[in-house]
Amino acid sequence: MHSLTIAWHMVRRTLGRKRGWIVYLLVPCVVVTLTVFLMGQTTAASILVSYVNEDEGPAGQYLISELERSGQYVLKQSVTESTLKEELIENKSTVGVYIPEGFSDALLEGQWSTVKVYEISTSEASVMIRMTADSAATRLSGTAALIRETSGPSVNPMMALEEVIGQSAQNRVDTQVTDLNLYARPGLSNVTGFTLMFMMTLISSVVSMIMDDRRQRTLSRMYTAPVRAYQIALGNFLGSLVVGSLQVVIVLVLSRYVLRYDYGIPLLLHFLILMAFMLVSLGVASTVAGLIRNGQNAAMINSMIVTPTCMLGGCFWPLAIMPDFMQKIANFIPQKWAIEAVETAATGGTLSDIGLPLVVLGLMAVILLAVGSVVLRPSESGAGHGA
């Protein structure tokens, strides 16, 4: 009962004023919603593919036309292979396709010429482009073999290949793209990462509120009452959890039903993942609030905890591009497990498939709450400063 009373008073202090609604609910939700709107509207048609076609025959142009015909990509021609690679590194394109010189000649001579597909990280788009290129090259190779076997010495093989390609273009069978949920939709990891980052801003508000209680001797009066340390920590934890739950609900409602963003995840499963991460964030807040002895240090929380953990946890970029030792460190970062759970669920995973990330997040929350209940004390040097 003591914990529930402390939690109720914390909710009243947080949301009992207009400023509390604006700072703790409205601003984070607006920022996350804008993130969803700006970074989450990536569709298949907006996937930019840079290509270099150095083949002077019809086979290279046929392969490019196959990519254009799918209607899934925006194609941009690059000057050289090195330019194509630079565009990928500078994030100016998603996938690069390089058709080597003499591609058509090699096919007509019975040689297998490889079409190179460049990518920074494996995605559904890169896999589909590679499959399209391999399929087109296989068909062209079969056509070239047939031309070699049936054409006489007076027939120009290159012109025959061009004629066959032209005839096939007039009798194409339409295709329909089916989403097999092999990969999470483009932009989902960025949307999730920024959502987690702004959810962690609740840490700053919880720490600031506990520091205010210290300066105003409210925390000291709690400890003089017949209340155990873990009950005080649990009360602060539950009160913040209510505010955090409202944040999660509002973000999901705005992004799903107002912006119509399709996460590819069932609503309840998505809510469960975000709430598991929220529990860890509040556990971090309880621990940090107990360790900080100077109210001025509370302003450093974002630069010392939120931003570094988001960087290590993969909120801003894929973990695969990080060095091996940093990837091992990421196993101790809650953002990594939350993003992994979301991406697994987005590819058709069930609750049992994301069991490990949820268990890890739950253990982190329990451990941090236990530490927070131990280190949270009203007495520290300079507690009365600023009172």
Protein backbone atom coordinates (compact mmCIF):
# COMPACT_ATOMS: atom_id res chain seq x y z
CA MET A 1 0.00 0.00 0.00
CA HIS A 2 2.84 2.42 0.75
CA SER A 3 4.27 1.90 -2.74
CA LEU A 4 0.88 2.56 -4.35
CA THR A 5 0.46 5.75 -2.33
CA ILE A 6 3.89 7.01 -3.39
CA ALA A 7 3.12 6.06 -7.00
CA TRP A 8 -0.23 7.91 -6.93
CA HIS A 9 1.34 11.08 -5.58
CA MET A 10 4.09 10.89 -8.20
CA VAL A 11 1.52 10.62 -11.00
CA ARG A 12 -0.38 13.59 -9.56
CA ARG A 13 2.79 15.66 -9.41
CA THR A 14 3.71 14.70 -12.97
CA LEU A 15 0.37 15.02 -14.72
CA GLY A 16 -1.50 17.25 -12.30
CA ARG A 17 -0.20 20.37 -14.07
CA LYS A 18 -0.41 21.56 -17.65
CA ARG A 19 3.38 21.72 -17.83
CA GLY A 20 3.61 18.05 -16.86
CA TRP A 21 1.33 16.98 -19.70
CA ILE A 22 3.35 19.06 -22.17
CA VAL A 23 6.83 18.01 -21.01
CA TYR A 24 6.25 14.35 -20.17
CA LEU A 25 3.59 13.35 -22.72
CA LEU A 26 2.97 15.85 -25.49
CA VAL A 27 6.55 16.75 -26.49
CA PRO A 28 7.98 13.18 -26.55
CA CYS A 29 4.93 11.88 -28.42
CA VAL A 30 5.08 14.67 -31.00
CA VAL A 31 8.79 14.09 -31.58
CA VAL A 32 8.34 10.33 -31.98
CA THR A 33 5.36 10.87 -34.28
CA LEU A 34 7.42 13.21 -36.47
CA THR A 35 10.16 10.58 -36.53
CA VAL A 36 7.67 7.99 -37.76
CA PHE A 37 6.37 10.41 -40.38
CA LEU A 38 9.81 11.42 -41.69
CA MET A 39 11.74 8.14 -41.43
CA GLY A 40 9.04 5.50 -41.55
CA GLN A 41 7.39 6.30 -44.84
CA THR A 42 9.95 4.34 -46.85
CA THR A 43 8.20 2.21 -49.45
CA ALA A 44 9.54 -0.16 -52.02
CA ALA A 45 9.17 2.49 -54.72
CA SER A 46 11.49 4.83 -52.83
CA ILE A 47 14.41 2.37 -52.71
CA LEU A 48 17.15 4.04 -54.71
CA VAL A 49 19.31 1.76 -56.84
CA SER A 50 22.48 3.08 -58.46
CA TYR A 51 23.67 1.19 -61.52
CA VAL A 52 26.56 1.19 -63.97
CA ASN A 53 26.00 -0.51 -67.33
CA GLU A 54 29.29 -0.85 -69.22
CA ASP A 55 27.89 -3.48 -71.57
CA GLU A 56 27.42 -2.26 -75.15
CA GLY A 57 25.15 -5.16 -76.11
CA PRO A 58 21.43 -5.76 -75.49
CA ALA A 59 21.88 -8.03 -72.44
CA GLY A 60 22.90 -5.23 -70.06
CA GLN A 61 20.02 -3.02 -71.10
CA TYR A 62 17.63 -5.95 -70.76
CA LEU A 63 18.71 -6.49 -67.15
CA ILE A 64 18.18 -2.80 -66.31
CA SER A 65 14.74 -2.87 -67.96
CA GLU A 66 13.84 -5.88 -65.80
CA LEU A 67 14.58 -3.87 -62.66
CA GLU A 68 12.57 -0.92 -63.99
CA ARG A 69 9.64 -3.13 -64.96
CA SER A 70 9.23 -4.40 -61.41
CA GLY A 71 8.20 -0.89 -60.31
CA GLN A 72 9.78 -1.48 -56.92
CA TYR A 73 12.89 0.67 -57.28
CA VAL A 74 14.05 4.10 -58.38
CA LEU A 75 17.04 3.60 -60.66
CA LYS A 76 19.86 6.14 -60.95
CA GLN A 77 22.76 5.77 -63.37
CA SER A 78 26.27 6.23 -62.01
CA VAL A 79 29.40 7.06 -64.00
CA THR A 80 31.85 4.44 -62.78
CA GLU A 81 32.00 1.48 -60.39
CA SER A 82 33.98 3.51 -57.85
CA THR A 83 31.37 6.29 -57.97
CA LEU A 84 28.68 3.69 -57.34
CA LYS A 85 30.51 2.47 -54.23
CA GLU A 86 30.94 6.02 -52.93
CA GLU A 87 27.21 6.67 -53.29
CA LEU A 88 26.48 3.60 -51.19
CA ILE A 89 28.95 4.64 -48.48
CA GLU A 90 27.53 8.18 -48.41
CA ASN A 91 24.00 6.73 -48.13
CA LYS A 92 22.94 8.30 -51.43
CA SER A 93 21.60 4.96 -52.63
CA THR A 94 20.45 1.70 -51.08
CA VAL A 95 21.81 -0.89 -53.50
CA GLY A 96 24.35 -0.78 -56.33
CA VAL A 97 24.29 -2.86 -59.53
CA TYR A 98 27.34 -3.13 -61.78
CA ILE A 99 27.10 -4.75 -65.25
CA PRO A 100 30.62 -5.39 -66.57
CA GLU A 101 31.91 -4.58 -70.03
CA GLY A 102 31.40 -7.38 -72.56
CA PHE A 103 28.47 -8.91 -70.67
CA SER A 104 26.54 -9.70 -73.86
CA ASP A 105 29.63 -11.03 -75.66
CA ALA A 106 30.46 -13.35 -72.77
CA LEU A 107 26.95 -14.82 -72.82
CA LEU A 108 27.07 -15.45 -76.56
CA GLU A 109 30.45 -17.15 -76.20
CA GLY A 110 29.07 -19.50 -73.55
CA GLN A 111 30.88 -17.85 -70.63
CA TRP A 112 29.19 -16.90 -67.35
CA SER A 113 29.63 -13.22 -66.60
CA THR A 114 28.72 -12.07 -63.10
CA VAL A 115 26.56 -9.05 -62.39
CA LYS A 116 27.84 -7.44 -59.18
CA VAL A 117 25.35 -6.28 -56.55
CA TYR A 118 26.77 -3.99 -53.85
CA GLU A 119 25.12 -3.32 -50.49
CA ILE A 120 26.05 -1.83 -47.12
CA SER A 121 23.82 -4.25 -45.21
CA THR A 122 21.63 -7.13 -46.31
CA SER A 123 18.02 -6.11 -46.88
CA GLU A 124 14.97 -7.43 -48.67
CA ALA A 125 15.63 -5.02 -51.54
CA SER A 126 19.21 -6.22 -52.07
CA VAL A 127 18.17 -9.88 -51.98
CA MET A 128 15.38 -9.29 -54.50
CA ILE A 129 17.69 -7.35 -56.83
CA ARG A 130 20.29 -10.11 -56.66
CA MET A 131 17.62 -12.72 -57.45
CA THR A 132 16.32 -10.61 -60.36
CA ALA A 133 19.83 -10.21 -61.78
CA ASP A 134 20.64 -13.92 -61.46
CA SER A 135 17.31 -14.92 -63.00
CA ALA A 136 17.75 -12.53 -65.95
CA ALA A 137 21.32 -13.70 -66.51
CA THR A 138 20.18 -17.34 -66.48
CA ARG A 139 17.47 -16.66 -69.06
CA LEU A 140 19.89 -14.72 -71.25
CA SER A 141 22.45 -17.51 -71.01
CA GLY A 142 19.87 -20.03 -72.16
CA THR A 143 18.83 -17.78 -75.04
CA ALA A 144 22.45 -17.26 -76.09
CA ALA A 145 23.05 -21.04 -76.04
CA LEU A 146 20.02 -21.58 -78.26
CA ILE A 147 21.26 -18.94 -80.72
CA ARG A 148 24.66 -20.61 -80.93
CA GLU A 149 23.11 -23.99 -81.65
CA THR A 150 20.52 -22.94 -84.24
CA SER A 151 22.07 -19.99 -86.05
CA GLY A 152 24.09 -20.40 -89.20
CA PRO A 153 27.40 -18.70 -89.98
CA SER A 154 25.61 -15.89 -91.81
CA VAL A 155 23.61 -14.83 -88.74
CA ASN A 156 24.96 -12.13 -86.48
CA PRO A 157 24.60 -13.57 -82.92
CA MET A 158 24.40 -10.10 -81.32
CA MET A 159 21.56 -8.99 -83.62
CA ALA A 160 19.77 -12.29 -83.06
CA LEU A 161 20.00 -11.83 -79.29
CA GLU A 162 18.68 -8.31 -79.58
CA GLU A 163 15.76 -9.51 -81.72
CA VAL A 164 14.86 -12.27 -79.26
CA ILE A 165 14.96 -9.82 -76.36
CA GLY A 166 12.74 -7.41 -78.32
CA GLN A 167 10.21 -10.14 -79.06
CA SER A 168 10.12 -11.30 -75.43
CA ALA A 169 9.41 -7.76 -74.29
CA GLN A 170 6.18 -7.77 -76.30
CA ASN A 171 4.78 -10.92 -74.66
CA ARG A 172 5.63 -10.52 -71.02
CA VAL A 173 3.65 -12.06 -68.21
CA ASP A 174 2.65 -9.63 -65.50
CA THR A 175 3.86 -10.34 -61.98
CA GLN A 176 2.48 -9.50 -58.57
CA VAL A 177 4.77 -8.70 -55.65
CA THR A 178 3.97 -10.64 -52.50
CA ASP A 179 5.39 -9.65 -49.11
CA LEU A 180 6.65 -12.88 -47.56
CA ASN A 181 7.79 -11.13 -44.35
CA LEU A 182 11.36 -12.30 -44.90
CA TYR A 183 12.71 -8.96 -43.67
CA ALA A 184 11.38 -6.12 -41.59
CA ARG A 185 10.04 -3.24 -43.64
CA PRO A 186 12.56 -0.54 -44.62
CA GLY A 187 12.95 2.19 -42.00
CA LEU A 188 11.50 0.14 -39.13
CA SER A 189 14.82 -0.11 -37.26
CA ASN A 190 15.31 3.68 -37.46
CA VAL A 191 11.76 4.37 -36.30
CA THR A 192 12.16 1.92 -33.40
CA GLY A 193 15.57 3.31 -32.46
CA PHE A 194 14.41 6.91 -32.25
CA THR A 195 11.27 5.82 -30.41
CA LEU A 196 13.40 4.11 -27.76
CA MET A 197 15.69 7.13 -27.50
CA PHE A 198 12.85 9.51 -26.72
CA MET A 199 11.25 6.99 -24.38
CA MET A 200 14.48 7.13 -22.39
CA THR A 201 14.02 10.87 -21.84
CA LEU A 202 11.68 9.79 -19.07
CA ILE A 203 14.86 8.90 -17.13
CA SER A 204 15.77 12.59 -16.89
CA SER A 205 12.34 13.55 -15.60
CA VAL A 206 12.35 10.79 -12.95
CA VAL A 207 15.85 11.70 -11.76
CA SER A 208 14.97 15.42 -11.64
CA MET A 209 11.86 14.68 -9.60
CA ILE A 210 13.76 12.56 -7.08
CA MET A 211 16.46 15.24 -6.81
CA ASP A 212 13.74 17.80 -6.07
CA ASP A 213 12.46 15.51 -3.32
CA ARG A 214 15.95 15.46 -1.85
CA ARG A 215 16.36 19.22 -1.91
CA GLN A 216 12.92 19.77 -0.38
CA ARG A 217 13.51 17.05 2.27
CA THR A 218 10.50 15.07 0.98
CA LEU A 219 12.66 11.98 0.60
CA SER A 220 14.01 12.37 4.13
CA ARG A 221 10.49 12.49 5.53
CA MET A 222 9.66 9.29 3.61
CA TYR A 223 12.57 7.47 5.20
CA THR A 224 11.57 8.60 8.69
CA ALA A 225 8.14 7.04 8.12
CA PRO A 226 7.60 3.29 8.59
CA VAL A 227 8.35 2.62 4.91
CA ARG A 228 11.03 0.30 3.60
CA ALA A 229 13.61 1.43 1.06
CA TYR A 230 12.38 -0.95 -1.61
CA GLN A 231 8.82 0.38 -1.16
CA ILE A 232 10.00 3.92 -1.84
CA ALA A 233 11.92 2.82 -4.92
CA LEU A 234 8.97 0.70 -6.07
CA GLY A 235 6.56 3.60 -5.57
CA ASN A 236 8.67 5.92 -7.71
CA PHE A 237 9.02 3.09 -10.23
CA LEU A 238 5.26 2.44 -10.47
CA GLY A 239 4.40 6.13 -10.70
CA SER A 240 6.82 6.61 -13.56
CA LEU A 241 5.53 3.42 -15.16
CA VAL A 242 2.03 4.89 -15.40
CA VAL A 243 3.40 7.97 -17.17
CA GLY A 244 5.56 5.81 -19.43
CA SER A 245 2.60 3.57 -20.29
CA LEU A 246 0.62 6.62 -21.39
CA GLN A 247 3.56 7.64 -23.59
CA VAL A 248 3.65 4.21 -25.23
CA VAL A 249 -0.11 4.09 -25.80
CA ILE A 250 -0.24 7.58 -27.32
CA VAL A 251 2.75 6.90 -29.60
CA LEU A 252 1.25 3.64 -30.87
CA VAL A 253 -2.19 5.17 -31.43
CA LEU A 254 -0.81 8.21 -33.29
CA SER A 255 1.61 6.26 -35.47
CA ARG A 256 -0.72 3.37 -36.26
CA TYR A 257 -4.13 4.99 -36.59
CA VAL A 258 -3.35 8.63 -37.42
CA LEU A 259 -0.23 8.31 -39.58
CA ARG A 260 -1.26 4.82 -40.79
CA TYR A 261 2.25 3.47 -40.34
CA ASP A 262 2.35 -0.30 -40.73
CA TYR A 263 4.89 -1.78 -38.30
CA GLY A 264 4.06 -5.30 -39.42
CA ILE A 265 3.65 -6.27 -35.74
CA PRO A 266 0.46 -7.09 -33.81
CA LEU A 267 -0.49 -4.22 -31.54
CA LEU A 268 -0.41 -6.15 -28.26
CA LEU A 269 2.94 -7.73 -29.05
CA HIS A 270 4.41 -4.33 -29.95
CA PHE A 271 3.02 -2.82 -26.73
CA LEU A 272 4.56 -5.66 -24.71
CA ILE A 273 8.02 -5.07 -26.22
CA LEU A 274 7.94 -1.32 -25.62
CA MET A 275 6.70 -1.77 -22.07
CA ALA A 276 9.51 -4.24 -21.35
CA PHE A 277 11.97 -1.61 -22.51
CA MET A 278 10.17 1.03 -20.46
CA LEU A 279 10.66 -1.10 -17.34
CA VAL A 280 14.40 -1.20 -17.98
CA SER A 281 14.50 2.56 -18.54
CA LEU A 282 12.78 3.18 -15.23
CA GLY A 283 15.15 0.75 -13.52
CA VAL A 284 18.04 2.80 -14.91
CA ALA A 285 16.34 5.96 -13.63
CA SER A 286 16.01 4.52 -10.10
CA THR A 287 19.67 3.49 -10.04
CA VAL A 288 20.95 6.80 -11.44
CA ALA A 289 18.81 8.81 -9.03
CA GLY A 290 20.33 6.89 -6.13
CA LEU A 291 23.90 7.38 -7.34
CA ILE A 292 23.78 11.07 -8.23
CA ARG A 293 24.75 13.24 -5.24
CA ASN A 294 24.67 16.62 -6.93
CA GLY A 295 21.55 17.99 -8.59
CA GLN A 296 23.63 19.77 -11.21
CA ASN A 297 24.81 16.40 -12.55
CA ALA A 298 21.26 15.48 -13.54
CA ALA A 299 21.64 17.59 -16.69
CA MET A 300 24.41 15.27 -17.89
CA ILE A 301 22.21 12.17 -18.02
CA ASN A 302 21.41 12.49 -21.73
CA SER A 303 25.04 12.88 -22.75
CA MET A 304 26.37 10.26 -20.32
CA ILE A 305 23.68 7.55 -20.53
CA VAL A 306 20.93 8.05 -23.13
CA THR A 307 22.98 8.99 -26.20
CA PRO A 308 25.90 6.54 -25.70
CA THR A 309 23.62 3.57 -25.02
CA CYS A 310 21.48 4.42 -28.05
CA MET A 311 24.61 4.52 -30.19
CA LEU A 312 25.86 1.18 -28.88
CA GLY A 313 22.40 -0.39 -28.99
CA GLY A 314 21.87 0.19 -32.72
CA CYS A 315 19.31 3.00 -32.61
CA PHE A 316 21.13 5.07 -35.24
CA TRP A 317 22.86 2.45 -37.42
CA PRO A 318 22.97 -1.36 -37.83
CA LEU A 319 25.03 -3.26 -35.28
CA ALA A 320 26.66 -5.20 -38.13
CA ILE A 321 28.82 -2.22 -39.14
CA MET A 322 30.25 -1.84 -35.64
CA PRO A 323 33.54 -3.49 -34.55
CA ASP A 324 33.28 -6.91 -32.93
CA PHE A 325 34.12 -5.70 -29.43
CA MET A 326 31.38 -3.05 -29.64
CA GLN A 327 28.89 -5.68 -30.81
CA LYS A 328 29.74 -7.70 -27.70
CA ILE A 329 29.20 -4.64 -25.51
CA ALA A 330 25.80 -4.16 -27.18
CA ASN A 331 24.61 -7.39 -25.54
CA PHE A 332 24.47 -5.45 -22.26
CA ILE A 333 22.47 -2.56 -23.79
CA PRO A 334 18.65 -2.79 -23.54
CA GLN A 335 18.08 -0.96 -26.83
CA LYS A 336 19.76 -3.81 -28.71
CA TRP A 337 17.32 -6.39 -27.33
CA ALA A 338 14.27 -4.19 -27.87
CA ILE A 339 15.18 -3.54 -31.52
CA GLU A 340 15.90 -7.25 -32.04
CA ALA A 341 12.49 -8.15 -30.61
CA VAL A 342 10.70 -5.64 -32.85
CA GLU A 343 12.50 -6.80 -36.00
CA THR A 344 11.86 -10.46 -35.18
CA ALA A 345 8.17 -9.79 -34.61
CA ALA A 346 8.01 -7.77 -37.85
CA THR A 347 9.22 -10.79 -39.83
CA GLY A 348 6.39 -12.97 -38.55
CA GLY A 349 7.85 -13.94 -35.19
CA THR A 350 5.53 -14.93 -32.36
CA LEU A 351 5.79 -14.38 -28.61
CA SER A 352 7.92 -17.51 -28.24
CA ASP A 353 10.33 -16.23 -30.92
CA ILE A 354 11.01 -13.04 -28.97
CA GLY A 355 11.13 -14.80 -25.62
CA LEU A 356 14.89 -14.37 -25.20
CA PRO A 357 14.91 -10.56 -25.74
CA LEU A 358 11.95 -10.15 -23.37
CA VAL A 359 13.60 -12.30 -20.70
CA VAL A 360 16.82 -10.29 -20.97
CA LEU A 361 14.91 -7.01 -20.68
CA GLY A 362 12.96 -8.35 -17.70
CA LEU A 363 16.14 -9.42 -15.89
CA MET A 364 17.72 -6.03 -16.53
CA ALA A 365 14.67 -4.29 -15.08
CA VAL A 366 14.64 -6.47 -11.93
CA ILE A 367 18.37 -6.05 -11.31
CA LEU A 368 18.30 -2.28 -11.80
CA LEU A 369 15.25 -1.86 -9.59
CA ALA A 370 16.96 -3.89 -6.85
CA VAL A 371 20.10 -1.77 -7.12
CA GLY A 372 18.00 1.39 -7.13
CA SER A 373 16.22 0.41 -3.91
CA VAL A 374 19.60 -0.11 -2.23
CA VAL A 375 21.38 3.05 -3.36
CA LEU A 376 18.39 5.40 -3.10
CA ARG A 377 19.02 7.33 0.11
CA PRO A 378 17.95 10.82 1.22
CA SER A 379 21.28 11.79 2.78
CA GLU A 380 24.12 12.97 0.62
CA SER A 381 26.59 15.79 0.57
CA GLY A 382 24.96 18.94 -0.46
CA ALA A 383 21.44 17.61 -0.14
CA GLY A 384 20.24 20.86 1.11
CA HIS A 385 21.89 22.96 -1.54
CA GLY A 386 19.46 24.96 -3.49
CA ALA A 387 16.74 24.50 -0.87
